[in-house]
Amino acid sequence: MLSSPQKFAANVLLFNASARNSGNTVTILKAIKEGIESVGKTAEIVHLDKLKFSGCQGCLQCKRPNAPASCIIRDDATKYIDQLKNVDAFVIGSPVYFGNLTGPFYSFYQRALYCHFNYCAEKRSKLTRPVKTGLVYTCGAPQNAFENMYAPQFQHNKDYHEMVFKGKCQVLVNPFQLLAKDVSKLWIPSDPTELKKKWFAEHQEGVLKQAFDMGVSLASE
């Protein structure tokens, strides 16, 4: 039995930090969802861009003595942040833009982690049990470029997830993606569109299999 309370609709929450609800990032999240559901568990995809919420305000209310593991800000993100300590796992997926992740990613990520974090060397986390986490990165750069340029930069995201949520954080990269399904109407002469199409035909099925397997792992003991 997984440990998340039955009062929540989903065992695993999947957060889409892309502005697109049917783009490359969501494609991977849907495959993860299928993996979760294949073992009889439930998952919900949450589109952060559709929520009305702010980033951390630096109010420090979550750092008062005996403050609960929750964020005092009341907005559309609050109910999801409050659920993180009770679900079995959660994943945040984001496109990579100019070497960084999206605004919604950082706004949610910083609030979600900070209210569960302690400034205490002996007890860095407020959680009483581990929660598995995952990070999905979608980008137009090829795999080797991601590993050389972006992976070292994003390593701290994984490290902080594991420190604060006390469980393993899995990372999945969806590289060399087209800007859109139909790029014929775009003026992007330096984009290696044909090479991306070839890569997609040869490798995308494997990436989706990785995502499915990630979902199975997140939903399993």
N, C-alpha and C. Protein backbone atom coordinates (compact mmCIF):
# COMPACT_ATOMS: atom_id res chain seq x y z
N MET A 1 0.85 -1.20 0.00
CA MET A 1 0.00 0.00 0.00
C MET A 1 0.88 1.25 0.00
N LEU A 2 0.56 2.17 -0.84
CA LEU A 2 1.23 3.46 -0.79
C LEU A 2 0.64 4.28 0.34
N SER A 3 1.39 5.29 0.74
CA SER A 3 1.05 5.95 2.00
C SER A 3 0.20 7.21 1.86
N SER A 4 -0.12 7.63 0.65
CA SER A 4 -0.87 8.88 0.51
C SER A 4 -2.32 8.69 0.96
N PRO A 5 -2.88 9.69 1.65
CA PRO A 5 -4.25 9.58 2.14
C PRO A 5 -5.25 9.48 1.00
N GLN A 6 -6.29 8.72 1.19
CA GLN A 6 -7.30 8.53 0.15
C GLN A 6 -8.17 9.78 -0.05
N LYS A 7 -8.07 10.76 0.85
CA LYS A 7 -8.91 11.95 0.69
C LYS A 7 -8.51 12.77 -0.54
N PHE A 8 -7.30 12.54 -1.07
CA PHE A 8 -6.87 13.25 -2.26
C PHE A 8 -7.19 12.41 -3.49
N ALA A 9 -7.55 13.09 -4.56
CA ALA A 9 -7.98 12.38 -5.77
C ALA A 9 -6.83 11.64 -6.43
N ALA A 10 -5.61 12.13 -6.27
CA ALA A 10 -4.48 11.54 -6.98
C ALA A 10 -3.39 11.10 -6.02
N ASN A 11 -2.76 9.95 -6.34
CA ASN A 11 -1.58 9.52 -5.61
C ASN A 11 -0.36 10.31 -6.03
N VAL A 12 -0.34 10.74 -7.30
CA VAL A 12 0.80 11.46 -7.85
C VAL A 12 0.32 12.71 -8.57
N LEU A 13 0.96 13.84 -8.30
CA LEU A 13 0.63 15.10 -8.97
C LEU A 13 1.71 15.41 -10.01
N LEU A 14 1.28 15.80 -11.20
CA LEU A 14 2.18 16.11 -12.30
C LEU A 14 1.96 17.56 -12.71
N PHE A 15 2.94 18.41 -12.48
CA PHE A 15 2.80 19.84 -12.72
C PHE A 15 3.45 20.22 -14.05
N ASN A 16 2.65 20.83 -14.92
CA ASN A 16 3.13 21.31 -16.22
C ASN A 16 3.46 22.79 -16.11
N ALA A 17 4.74 23.12 -16.23
CA ALA A 17 5.17 24.52 -16.12
C ALA A 17 5.33 25.18 -17.49
N SER A 18 4.83 24.53 -18.53
CA SER A 18 4.82 25.13 -19.87
C SER A 18 3.53 25.92 -20.06
N ALA A 19 3.60 26.94 -20.91
CA ALA A 19 2.39 27.70 -21.24
C ALA A 19 1.49 26.90 -22.18
N ARG A 20 2.03 25.87 -22.80
CA ARG A 20 1.25 25.04 -23.71
C ARG A 20 0.65 23.84 -22.96
N ASN A 21 -0.62 23.60 -23.21
CA ASN A 21 -1.28 22.47 -22.57
C ASN A 21 -1.25 21.20 -23.42
N SER A 22 -0.66 21.29 -24.60
CA SER A 22 -0.59 20.11 -25.48
C SER A 22 0.75 20.06 -26.21
N GLY A 23 1.78 20.60 -25.59
CA GLY A 23 3.09 20.64 -26.22
C GLY A 23 4.00 19.50 -25.82
N ASN A 24 5.30 19.69 -26.01
CA ASN A 24 6.28 18.64 -25.76
C ASN A 24 6.33 18.21 -24.30
N THR A 25 6.24 19.17 -23.38
CA THR A 25 6.32 18.84 -21.96
C THR A 25 5.13 18.00 -21.52
N VAL A 26 3.94 18.39 -21.94
CA VAL A 26 2.74 17.65 -21.56
C VAL A 26 2.74 16.25 -22.15
N THR A 27 3.30 16.10 -23.33
CA THR A 27 3.39 14.77 -23.94
C THR A 27 4.13 13.80 -23.01
N ILE A 28 5.22 14.27 -22.41
CA ILE A 28 5.98 13.44 -21.48
C ILE A 28 5.20 13.20 -20.20
N LEU A 29 4.55 14.24 -19.68
CA LEU A 29 3.77 14.08 -18.45
C LEU A 29 2.63 13.08 -18.65
N LYS A 30 2.03 13.09 -19.83
CA LYS A 30 0.95 12.14 -20.11
C LYS A 30 1.48 10.71 -20.12
N ALA A 31 2.69 10.51 -20.64
CA ALA A 31 3.28 9.18 -20.64
C ALA A 31 3.59 8.73 -19.22
N ILE A 32 4.05 9.65 -18.38
CA ILE A 32 4.28 9.33 -16.97
C ILE A 32 2.96 8.94 -16.31
N LYS A 33 1.92 9.70 -16.61
CA LYS A 33 0.58 9.41 -16.07
C LYS A 33 0.12 8.01 -16.46
N GLU A 34 0.36 7.64 -17.71
CA GLU A 34 -0.03 6.30 -18.16
C GLU A 34 0.71 5.22 -17.37
N GLY A 35 1.99 5.47 -17.08
CA GLY A 35 2.75 4.51 -16.29
C GLY A 35 2.20 4.38 -14.88
N ILE A 36 1.83 5.49 -14.29
CA ILE A 36 1.25 5.48 -12.94
C ILE A 36 -0.05 4.69 -12.93
N GLU A 37 -0.89 4.97 -13.90
CA GLU A 37 -2.21 4.32 -13.95
C GLU A 37 -2.10 2.84 -14.31
N SER A 38 -1.01 2.44 -14.95
CA SER A 38 -0.84 1.03 -15.33
C SER A 38 -0.67 0.13 -14.12
N VAL A 39 -0.29 0.71 -12.98
CA VAL A 39 -0.12 -0.09 -11.76
C VAL A 39 -1.26 0.18 -10.77
N GLY A 40 -2.34 0.76 -11.29
CA GLY A 40 -3.54 0.93 -10.48
C GLY A 40 -3.58 2.15 -9.60
N LYS A 41 -2.67 3.09 -9.81
CA LYS A 41 -2.66 4.32 -9.03
C LYS A 41 -3.22 5.47 -9.86
N THR A 42 -3.44 6.59 -9.21
CA THR A 42 -4.06 7.73 -9.89
C THR A 42 -3.08 8.89 -10.01
N ALA A 43 -3.27 9.69 -11.04
CA ALA A 43 -2.41 10.85 -11.28
C ALA A 43 -3.24 12.00 -11.83
N GLU A 44 -2.81 13.20 -11.52
CA GLU A 44 -3.48 14.41 -12.02
C GLU A 44 -2.44 15.33 -12.63
N ILE A 45 -2.70 15.80 -13.85
CA ILE A 45 -1.84 16.81 -14.47
C ILE A 45 -2.39 18.19 -14.14
N VAL A 46 -1.55 19.03 -13.57
CA VAL A 46 -1.94 20.38 -13.17
C VAL A 46 -1.17 21.37 -14.05
N HIS A 47 -1.90 22.20 -14.79
CA HIS A 47 -1.28 23.20 -15.67
C HIS A 47 -1.05 24.48 -14.87
N LEU A 48 0.19 24.72 -14.49
CA LEU A 48 0.50 25.87 -13.64
C LEU A 48 0.14 27.19 -14.30
N ASP A 49 0.25 27.26 -15.62
CA ASP A 49 -0.04 28.51 -16.32
C ASP A 49 -1.52 28.88 -16.22
N LYS A 50 -2.37 27.93 -15.90
CA LYS A 50 -3.80 28.20 -15.77
C LYS A 50 -4.19 28.61 -14.34
N LEU A 51 -3.24 28.50 -13.41
CA LEU A 51 -3.52 28.89 -12.03
C LEU A 51 -3.17 30.35 -11.82
N LYS A 52 -3.90 31.00 -10.94
CA LYS A 52 -3.57 32.36 -10.53
C LYS A 52 -2.81 32.27 -9.21
N PHE A 53 -1.49 32.44 -9.30
CA PHE A 53 -0.68 32.33 -8.09
C PHE A 53 0.59 33.16 -8.22
N SER A 54 1.19 33.44 -7.10
CA SER A 54 2.41 34.23 -7.07
C SER A 54 3.57 33.38 -6.57
N GLY A 55 4.77 33.89 -6.74
CA GLY A 55 5.94 33.22 -6.20
C GLY A 55 6.09 33.54 -4.72
N CYS A 56 7.15 33.03 -4.13
CA CYS A 56 7.42 33.27 -2.71
C CYS A 56 7.54 34.77 -2.45
N GLN A 57 6.88 35.24 -1.39
CA GLN A 57 6.89 36.66 -1.04
C GLN A 57 7.92 37.00 0.03
N GLY A 58 8.65 35.99 0.50
CA GLY A 58 9.67 36.24 1.51
C GLY A 58 9.11 36.70 2.84
N CYS A 59 7.88 36.31 3.15
CA CYS A 59 7.24 36.76 4.39
C CYS A 59 7.81 36.05 5.62
N LEU A 60 8.42 34.87 5.42
CA LEU A 60 9.06 34.08 6.48
C LEU A 60 8.09 33.53 7.52
N GLN A 61 6.79 33.54 7.21
CA GLN A 61 5.83 32.97 8.16
C GLN A 61 6.07 31.47 8.35
N CYS A 62 6.57 30.81 7.32
CA CYS A 62 6.84 29.37 7.43
C CYS A 62 8.11 29.08 8.23
N LYS A 63 8.81 30.14 8.65
CA LYS A 63 10.04 29.97 9.43
C LYS A 63 9.85 30.38 10.89
N ARG A 64 8.63 30.66 11.29
CA ARG A 64 8.36 30.93 12.70
C ARG A 64 8.47 29.64 13.50
N PRO A 65 8.74 29.72 14.80
CA PRO A 65 8.84 28.50 15.62
C PRO A 65 7.58 27.64 15.50
N ASN A 66 7.77 26.36 15.24
CA ASN A 66 6.67 25.40 15.13
C ASN A 66 5.70 25.69 13.98
N ALA A 67 6.14 26.46 12.98
CA ALA A 67 5.29 26.73 11.82
C ALA A 67 5.03 25.44 11.06
N PRO A 68 3.80 25.23 10.58
CA PRO A 68 3.50 23.99 9.84
C PRO A 68 4.16 23.99 8.47
N ALA A 69 4.19 22.83 7.86
CA ALA A 69 4.75 22.69 6.51
C ALA A 69 3.71 23.10 5.49
N SER A 70 3.44 24.39 5.43
CA SER A 70 2.46 24.93 4.48
C SER A 70 2.81 26.37 4.20
N CYS A 71 2.24 26.90 3.10
CA CYS A 71 2.49 28.28 2.71
C CYS A 71 1.30 29.14 3.12
N ILE A 72 1.58 30.27 3.73
CA ILE A 72 0.52 31.14 4.24
C ILE A 72 -0.23 31.84 3.11
N ILE A 73 0.38 31.98 1.94
CA ILE A 73 -0.28 32.63 0.81
C ILE A 73 -1.49 31.81 0.38
N ARG A 74 -2.61 32.46 0.22
CA ARG A 74 -3.82 31.77 -0.22
C ARG A 74 -4.10 32.13 -1.68
N ASP A 75 -3.82 31.21 -2.58
CA ASP A 75 -4.13 31.40 -3.99
C ASP A 75 -4.33 30.03 -4.63
N ASP A 76 -4.37 29.98 -5.95
CA ASP A 76 -4.69 28.72 -6.63
C ASP A 76 -3.65 27.62 -6.42
N ALA A 77 -2.41 28.01 -6.09
CA ALA A 77 -1.36 27.00 -5.92
C ALA A 77 -1.35 26.40 -4.52
N THR A 78 -1.99 27.07 -3.57
CA THR A 78 -1.88 26.67 -2.17
C THR A 78 -2.34 25.24 -1.93
N LYS A 79 -3.48 24.87 -2.49
CA LYS A 79 -4.01 23.53 -2.21
C LYS A 79 -3.07 22.44 -2.72
N TYR A 80 -2.35 22.73 -3.80
CA TYR A 80 -1.41 21.74 -4.32
C TYR A 80 -0.14 21.69 -3.48
N ILE A 81 0.34 22.85 -3.06
CA ILE A 81 1.52 22.88 -2.19
C ILE A 81 1.23 22.16 -0.88
N ASP A 82 0.04 22.36 -0.35
CA ASP A 82 -0.34 21.71 0.90
C ASP A 82 -0.47 20.20 0.75
N GLN A 83 -0.72 19.72 -0.47
CA GLN A 83 -0.87 18.28 -0.71
C GLN A 83 0.47 17.55 -0.85
N LEU A 84 1.53 18.28 -1.12
CA LEU A 84 2.79 17.63 -1.47
C LEU A 84 3.31 16.70 -0.38
N LYS A 85 3.07 17.05 0.87
CA LYS A 85 3.57 16.20 1.96
C LYS A 85 2.73 14.94 2.14
N ASN A 86 1.60 14.85 1.46
CA ASN A 86 0.69 13.72 1.63
C ASN A 86 0.62 12.78 0.43
N VAL A 87 0.99 13.27 -0.75
CA VAL A 87 0.96 12.40 -1.92
C VAL A 87 2.15 11.45 -1.89
N ASP A 88 2.12 10.45 -2.76
CA ASP A 88 3.24 9.51 -2.85
C ASP A 88 4.40 10.09 -3.66
N ALA A 89 4.08 10.93 -4.62
CA ALA A 89 5.11 11.50 -5.48
C ALA A 89 4.55 12.70 -6.23
N PHE A 90 5.45 13.54 -6.72
CA PHE A 90 5.05 14.61 -7.63
C PHE A 90 6.18 14.88 -8.61
N VAL A 91 5.80 15.43 -9.76
CA VAL A 91 6.74 15.74 -10.84
C VAL A 91 6.47 17.16 -11.32
N ILE A 92 7.54 17.88 -11.64
CA ILE A 92 7.40 19.19 -12.28
C ILE A 92 8.11 19.12 -13.63
N GLY A 93 7.41 19.48 -14.69
CA GLY A 93 8.00 19.48 -16.02
C GLY A 93 8.04 20.88 -16.60
N SER A 94 9.14 21.21 -17.27
CA SER A 94 9.29 22.55 -17.84
C SER A 94 10.10 22.52 -19.13
N PRO A 95 9.75 23.40 -20.07
CA PRO A 95 10.65 23.63 -21.21
C PRO A 95 11.88 24.38 -20.74
N VAL A 96 12.93 24.32 -21.53
CA VAL A 96 14.14 25.10 -21.27
C VAL A 96 14.17 26.25 -22.26
N TYR A 97 14.15 27.48 -21.74
CA TYR A 97 14.19 28.67 -22.57
C TYR A 97 15.45 29.47 -22.25
N PHE A 98 16.31 29.68 -23.24
CA PHE A 98 17.54 30.44 -23.03
C PHE A 98 18.34 29.92 -21.83
N GLY A 99 18.39 28.61 -21.70
CA GLY A 99 19.18 28.00 -20.64
C GLY A 99 18.54 28.01 -19.27
N ASN A 100 17.29 28.44 -19.19
CA ASN A 100 16.59 28.48 -17.91
C ASN A 100 15.21 27.84 -18.04
N LEU A 101 14.58 27.62 -16.89
CA LEU A 101 13.23 27.07 -16.87
C LEU A 101 12.23 28.21 -16.84
N THR A 102 10.95 27.89 -16.92
CA THR A 102 9.93 28.93 -17.04
C THR A 102 9.65 29.65 -15.73
N GLY A 103 9.01 30.81 -15.83
CA GLY A 103 8.59 31.56 -14.65
C GLY A 103 7.67 30.76 -13.75
N PRO A 104 6.61 30.12 -14.30
CA PRO A 104 5.74 29.31 -13.44
C PRO A 104 6.48 28.18 -12.72
N PHE A 105 7.50 27.60 -13.37
CA PHE A 105 8.29 26.56 -12.69
C PHE A 105 8.91 27.12 -11.42
N TYR A 106 9.65 28.22 -11.56
CA TYR A 106 10.37 28.76 -10.41
C TYR A 106 9.42 29.29 -9.34
N SER A 107 8.32 29.92 -9.74
CA SER A 107 7.37 30.44 -8.76
C SER A 107 6.79 29.31 -7.91
N PHE A 108 6.44 28.20 -8.55
CA PHE A 108 5.89 27.06 -7.81
C PHE A 108 6.98 26.32 -7.04
N TYR A 109 8.09 26.07 -7.69
CA TYR A 109 9.20 25.32 -7.11
C TYR A 109 9.70 25.98 -5.82
N GLN A 110 9.90 27.29 -5.86
CA GLN A 110 10.45 27.97 -4.69
C GLN A 110 9.48 27.97 -3.52
N ARG A 111 8.20 28.19 -3.78
CA ARG A 111 7.22 28.12 -2.69
C ARG A 111 7.08 26.71 -2.15
N ALA A 112 7.03 25.74 -3.05
CA ALA A 112 6.84 24.35 -2.63
C ALA A 112 7.98 23.87 -1.75
N LEU A 113 9.20 24.21 -2.11
CA LEU A 113 10.34 23.75 -1.33
C LEU A 113 10.53 24.56 -0.05
N TYR A 114 10.37 25.87 -0.14
CA TYR A 114 10.75 26.72 0.99
C TYR A 114 9.89 26.46 2.22
N CYS A 115 8.60 26.25 2.03
CA CYS A 115 7.73 26.06 3.20
C CYS A 115 7.92 24.69 3.84
N HIS A 116 8.62 23.78 3.16
CA HIS A 116 8.91 22.46 3.74
C HIS A 116 10.36 22.36 4.23
N PHE A 117 11.10 23.45 4.14
CA PHE A 117 12.54 23.47 4.44
C PHE A 117 12.80 24.08 5.81
N ASN A 118 13.74 23.49 6.54
CA ASN A 118 14.18 24.02 7.83
C ASN A 118 15.60 24.56 7.75
N TYR A 119 15.85 25.68 8.42
CA TYR A 119 17.21 26.16 8.60
C TYR A 119 17.80 25.46 9.83
N CYS A 120 18.00 24.17 9.69
CA CYS A 120 18.49 23.36 10.80
C CYS A 120 19.33 22.23 10.22
N ALA A 121 20.63 22.21 10.52
CA ALA A 121 21.52 21.23 9.92
C ALA A 121 21.12 19.80 10.25
N GLU A 122 20.52 19.59 11.43
CA GLU A 122 20.13 18.24 11.84
C GLU A 122 18.80 17.81 11.24
N LYS A 123 18.00 18.77 10.79
CA LYS A 123 16.68 18.44 10.27
C LYS A 123 16.31 19.45 9.18
N ARG A 124 16.78 19.19 7.98
CA ARG A 124 16.57 20.12 6.88
C ARG A 124 15.13 20.13 6.37
N SER A 125 14.39 19.07 6.64
CA SER A 125 13.04 18.94 6.10
C SER A 125 12.01 18.88 7.21
N LYS A 126 10.83 19.46 6.94
CA LYS A 126 9.70 19.36 7.87
C LYS A 126 8.90 18.08 7.66
N LEU A 127 9.19 17.35 6.60
CA LEU A 127 8.42 16.15 6.29
C LEU A 127 8.73 15.03 7.28
N THR A 128 7.72 14.23 7.56
CA THR A 128 7.89 13.09 8.46
C THR A 128 8.10 11.78 7.71
N ARG A 129 8.00 11.83 6.38
CA ARG A 129 8.22 10.64 5.55
C ARG A 129 8.72 11.08 4.18
N PRO A 130 9.40 10.19 3.45
CA PRO A 130 9.88 10.57 2.13
C PRO A 130 8.77 10.66 1.09
N VAL A 131 8.92 11.60 0.18
CA VAL A 131 8.03 11.75 -0.97
C VAL A 131 8.90 11.68 -2.23
N LYS A 132 8.58 10.77 -3.12
CA LYS A 132 9.33 10.68 -4.38
C LYS A 132 9.03 11.90 -5.24
N THR A 133 10.02 12.33 -6.01
CA THR A 133 9.83 13.48 -6.89
C THR A 133 10.44 13.20 -8.26
N GLY A 134 10.07 14.03 -9.22
CA GLY A 134 10.62 13.92 -10.56
C GLY A 134 10.73 15.28 -11.22
N LEU A 135 11.68 15.41 -12.11
CA LEU A 135 11.86 16.63 -12.89
C LEU A 135 11.93 16.25 -14.37
N VAL A 136 11.17 16.96 -15.19
CA VAL A 136 11.16 16.72 -16.64
C VAL A 136 11.61 17.99 -17.34
N TYR A 137 12.63 17.87 -18.17
CA TYR A 137 13.14 19.01 -18.93
C TYR A 137 12.98 18.73 -20.43
N THR A 138 12.30 19.63 -21.12
CA THR A 138 12.13 19.53 -22.56
C THR A 138 12.89 20.68 -23.22
N CYS A 139 13.65 20.37 -24.25
CA CYS A 139 14.45 21.44 -24.86
C CYS A 139 14.68 21.18 -26.34
N GLY A 140 15.11 22.21 -27.04
CA GLY A 140 15.43 22.09 -28.45
C GLY A 140 16.86 21.67 -28.70
N ALA A 141 17.69 21.72 -27.65
CA ALA A 141 19.09 21.32 -27.78
C ALA A 141 19.21 19.80 -27.83
N PRO A 142 20.21 19.28 -28.53
CA PRO A 142 20.42 17.84 -28.53
C PRO A 142 20.89 17.34 -27.17
N GLN A 143 20.84 16.04 -26.96
CA GLN A 143 21.15 15.43 -25.67
C GLN A 143 22.53 15.82 -25.16
N ASN A 144 23.55 15.75 -26.01
CA ASN A 144 24.91 16.04 -25.56
C ASN A 144 25.06 17.50 -25.16
N ALA A 145 24.37 18.41 -25.86
CA ALA A 145 24.42 19.82 -25.50
C ALA A 145 23.75 20.05 -24.16
N PHE A 146 22.62 19.38 -23.92
CA PHE A 146 21.95 19.50 -22.62
C PHE A 146 22.88 19.03 -21.51
N GLU A 147 23.51 17.89 -21.70
CA GLU A 147 24.38 17.34 -20.66
C GLU A 147 25.57 18.24 -20.38
N ASN A 148 26.10 18.89 -21.42
CA ASN A 148 27.28 19.74 -21.24
C ASN A 148 26.94 21.12 -20.70
N MET A 149 25.83 21.68 -21.15
CA MET A 149 25.51 23.07 -20.79
C MET A 149 24.50 23.20 -19.66
N TYR A 150 23.45 22.39 -19.69
CA TYR A 150 22.33 22.60 -18.78
C TYR A 150 22.32 21.68 -17.57
N ALA A 151 22.76 20.43 -17.75
CA ALA A 151 22.68 19.46 -16.65
C ALA A 151 23.40 19.92 -15.39
N PRO A 152 24.64 20.45 -15.49
CA PRO A 152 25.30 20.93 -14.26
C PRO A 152 24.53 22.08 -13.60
N GLN A 153 23.94 22.92 -14.42
CA GLN A 153 23.19 24.07 -13.90
C GLN A 153 21.93 23.62 -13.15
N PHE A 154 21.29 22.55 -13.64
CA PHE A 154 20.03 22.10 -13.04
C PHE A 154 20.22 21.04 -11.96
N GLN A 155 21.47 20.63 -11.70
CA GLN A 155 21.72 19.60 -10.70
C GLN A 155 21.19 20.01 -9.33
N HIS A 156 21.27 21.32 -9.03
CA HIS A 156 20.81 21.76 -7.71
C HIS A 156 19.31 21.56 -7.53
N ASN A 157 18.54 21.58 -8.62
CA ASN A 157 17.10 21.31 -8.49
C ASN A 157 16.88 19.91 -7.93
N LYS A 158 17.58 18.93 -8.48
CA LYS A 158 17.49 17.55 -8.01
C LYS A 158 17.96 17.45 -6.56
N ASP A 159 19.08 18.08 -6.26
CA ASP A 159 19.65 18.00 -4.91
C ASP A 159 18.68 18.56 -3.87
N TYR A 160 18.07 19.70 -4.17
CA TYR A 160 17.14 20.31 -3.22
C TYR A 160 15.86 19.48 -3.07
N HIS A 161 15.38 18.90 -4.17
CA HIS A 161 14.21 18.03 -4.08
C HIS A 161 14.48 16.88 -3.11
N GLU A 162 15.65 16.27 -3.25
CA GLU A 162 15.96 15.11 -2.41
C GLU A 162 16.20 15.52 -0.96
N MET A 163 16.77 16.69 -0.75
CA MET A 163 16.99 17.15 0.62
C MET A 163 15.68 17.49 1.32
N VAL A 164 14.81 18.22 0.65
CA VAL A 164 13.59 18.71 1.29
C VAL A 164 12.52 17.64 1.36
N PHE A 165 12.35 16.87 0.28
CA PHE A 165 11.28 15.88 0.25
C PHE A 165 11.74 14.47 0.63
N LYS A 166 13.05 14.31 0.88
CA LYS A 166 13.60 13.12 1.53
C LYS A 166 13.48 11.84 0.71
N GLY A 167 13.04 11.94 -0.53
CA GLY A 167 12.93 10.77 -1.40
C GLY A 167 13.78 10.96 -2.65
N LYS A 168 13.90 9.90 -3.44
CA LYS A 168 14.67 9.97 -4.67
C LYS A 168 14.00 10.88 -5.68
N CYS A 169 14.81 11.69 -6.37
CA CYS A 169 14.30 12.55 -7.44
C CYS A 169 14.81 12.01 -8.77
N GLN A 170 13.88 11.62 -9.64
CA GLN A 170 14.23 11.13 -10.97
C GLN A 170 14.19 12.29 -11.97
N VAL A 171 15.13 12.28 -12.89
CA VAL A 171 15.22 13.34 -13.91
C VAL A 171 15.08 12.71 -15.29
N LEU A 172 14.22 13.31 -16.11
CA LEU A 172 14.04 12.84 -17.49
C LEU A 172 14.21 14.02 -18.43
N VAL A 173 15.03 13.84 -19.44
CA VAL A 173 15.30 14.89 -20.43
C VAL A 173 14.66 14.50 -21.76
N ASN A 174 13.92 15.43 -22.34
CA ASN A 174 13.28 15.24 -23.64
C ASN A 174 13.95 16.22 -24.61
N PRO A 175 15.06 15.82 -25.26
CA PRO A 175 15.87 16.76 -26.02
C PRO A 175 15.48 16.88 -27.50
N PHE A 176 16.10 17.86 -28.16
CA PHE A 176 16.06 18.03 -29.62
C PHE A 176 14.63 18.04 -30.16
N GLN A 177 13.76 18.79 -29.48
CA GLN A 177 12.35 18.83 -29.85
C GLN A 177 12.07 19.96 -30.83
N LEU A 178 11.11 19.74 -31.72
CA LEU A 178 10.65 20.79 -32.62
C LEU A 178 9.95 21.89 -31.84
N LEU A 179 10.02 23.11 -32.35
CA LEU A 179 9.35 24.23 -31.69
C LEU A 179 7.84 24.07 -31.70
N ALA A 180 7.32 23.41 -32.71
CA ALA A 180 5.88 23.18 -32.83
C ALA A 180 5.67 21.97 -33.73
N LYS A 181 4.48 21.39 -33.67
CA LYS A 181 4.19 20.24 -34.52
C LYS A 181 4.26 20.62 -36.00
N ASP A 182 3.81 21.83 -36.33
CA ASP A 182 3.86 22.32 -37.71
C ASP A 182 4.73 23.57 -37.72
N VAL A 183 5.96 23.43 -38.21
CA VAL A 183 6.88 24.57 -38.23
C VAL A 183 6.92 25.25 -39.60
N SER A 184 6.05 24.84 -40.50
CA SER A 184 6.08 25.36 -41.87
C SER A 184 5.76 26.85 -41.94
N LYS A 185 5.02 27.35 -40.95
CA LYS A 185 4.63 28.76 -40.96
C LYS A 185 5.58 29.64 -40.15
N LEU A 186 6.66 29.05 -39.63
CA LEU A 186 7.61 29.79 -38.82
C LEU A 186 8.86 30.13 -39.63
N TRP A 187 9.47 31.26 -39.30
CA TRP A 187 10.74 31.63 -39.94
C TRP A 187 11.85 31.34 -38.95
N ILE A 188 12.45 30.17 -39.09
CA ILE A 188 13.49 29.71 -38.15
C ILE A 188 14.63 29.07 -38.96
N PRO A 189 15.31 29.87 -39.80
CA PRO A 189 16.29 29.30 -40.74
C PRO A 189 17.47 28.58 -40.08
N SER A 190 17.84 28.96 -38.85
CA SER A 190 19.00 28.31 -38.22
C SER A 190 18.62 27.10 -37.39
N ASP A 191 17.32 26.83 -37.26
CA ASP A 191 16.89 25.67 -36.48
C ASP A 191 17.04 24.40 -37.31
N PRO A 192 17.69 23.37 -36.79
CA PRO A 192 17.91 22.13 -37.56
C PRO A 192 16.66 21.26 -37.62
N THR A 193 15.63 21.79 -38.26
CA THR A 193 14.32 21.14 -38.26
C THR A 193 14.36 19.71 -38.79
N GLU A 194 15.05 19.51 -39.91
CA GLU A 194 15.06 18.17 -40.52
C GLU A 194 15.80 17.17 -39.63
N LEU A 195 16.88 17.62 -39.00
CA LEU A 195 17.60 16.73 -38.08
C LEU A 195 16.74 16.38 -36.88
N LYS A 196 15.97 17.35 -36.41
CA LYS A 196 15.07 17.10 -35.29
C LYS A 196 13.99 16.09 -35.67
N LYS A 197 13.46 16.22 -36.87
CA LYS A 197 12.45 15.27 -37.34
C LYS A 197 13.03 13.86 -37.40
N LYS A 198 14.26 13.75 -37.86
CA LYS A 198 14.92 12.45 -37.94
C LYS A 198 15.14 11.88 -36.55
N TRP A 199 15.60 12.72 -35.63
CA TRP A 199 15.81 12.27 -34.25
C TRP A 199 14.49 11.81 -33.64
N PHE A 200 13.45 12.59 -33.88
CA PHE A 200 12.13 12.26 -33.32
C PHE A 200 11.68 10.88 -33.80
N ALA A 201 11.84 10.63 -35.09
CA ALA A 201 11.40 9.35 -35.66
C ALA A 201 12.19 8.18 -35.08
N GLU A 202 13.46 8.43 -34.75
CA GLU A 202 14.32 7.34 -34.29
C GLU A 202 14.32 7.15 -32.77
N HIS A 203 14.06 8.22 -32.02
CA HIS A 203 14.29 8.15 -30.57
C HIS A 203 13.09 8.48 -29.69
N GLN A 204 12.08 9.16 -30.23
CA GLN A 204 11.01 9.64 -29.36
C GLN A 204 10.25 8.51 -28.66
N GLU A 205 10.09 7.40 -29.35
CA GLU A 205 9.40 6.27 -28.73
C GLU A 205 10.15 5.79 -27.48
N GLY A 206 11.48 5.84 -27.56
CA GLY A 206 12.29 5.45 -26.41
C GLY A 206 12.14 6.41 -25.25
N VAL A 207 12.05 7.71 -25.54
CA VAL A 207 11.85 8.71 -24.48
C VAL A 207 10.50 8.51 -23.81
N LEU A 208 9.48 8.24 -24.60
CA LEU A 208 8.15 7.99 -24.03
C LEU A 208 8.15 6.73 -23.16
N LYS A 209 8.94 5.73 -23.56
CA LYS A 209 9.06 4.52 -22.74
C LYS A 209 9.74 4.85 -21.41
N GLN A 210 10.75 5.71 -21.44
CA GLN A 210 11.40 6.15 -20.21
C GLN A 210 10.39 6.85 -19.30
N ALA A 211 9.54 7.68 -19.90
CA ALA A 211 8.54 8.41 -19.12
C ALA A 211 7.54 7.44 -18.50
N PHE A 212 7.09 6.48 -19.28
CA PHE A 212 6.15 5.46 -18.77
C PHE A 212 6.77 4.72 -17.60
N ASP A 213 8.02 4.28 -17.76
CA ASP A 213 8.71 3.56 -16.70
C ASP A 213 8.91 4.43 -15.47
N MET A 214 9.15 5.71 -15.68
CA MET A 214 9.27 6.64 -14.56
C MET A 214 7.97 6.69 -13.77
N GLY A 215 6.84 6.71 -14.48
CA GLY A 215 5.54 6.70 -13.81
C GLY A 215 5.33 5.45 -12.99
N VAL A 216 5.71 4.30 -13.55
CA VAL A 216 5.59 3.03 -12.82
C VAL A 216 6.42 3.08 -11.54
N SER A 217 7.64 3.59 -11.66
CA SER A 217 8.53 3.68 -10.50
C SER A 217 7.99 4.61 -9.43
N LEU A 218 7.46 5.76 -9.85
CA LEU A 218 6.92 6.72 -8.88
C LEU A 218 5.73 6.17 -8.13
N ALA A 219 4.95 5.31 -8.77
CA ALA A 219 3.73 4.79 -8.17
C ALA A 219 3.94 3.46 -7.46
N SER A 220 5.17 2.96 -7.46
CA SER A 220 5.46 1.67 -6.84
C SER A 220 6.22 1.86 -5.54
N GLU A 221 6.20 0.84 -4.71
CA GLU A 221 6.91 0.90 -3.43
C GLU A 221 8.41 0.99 -3.68
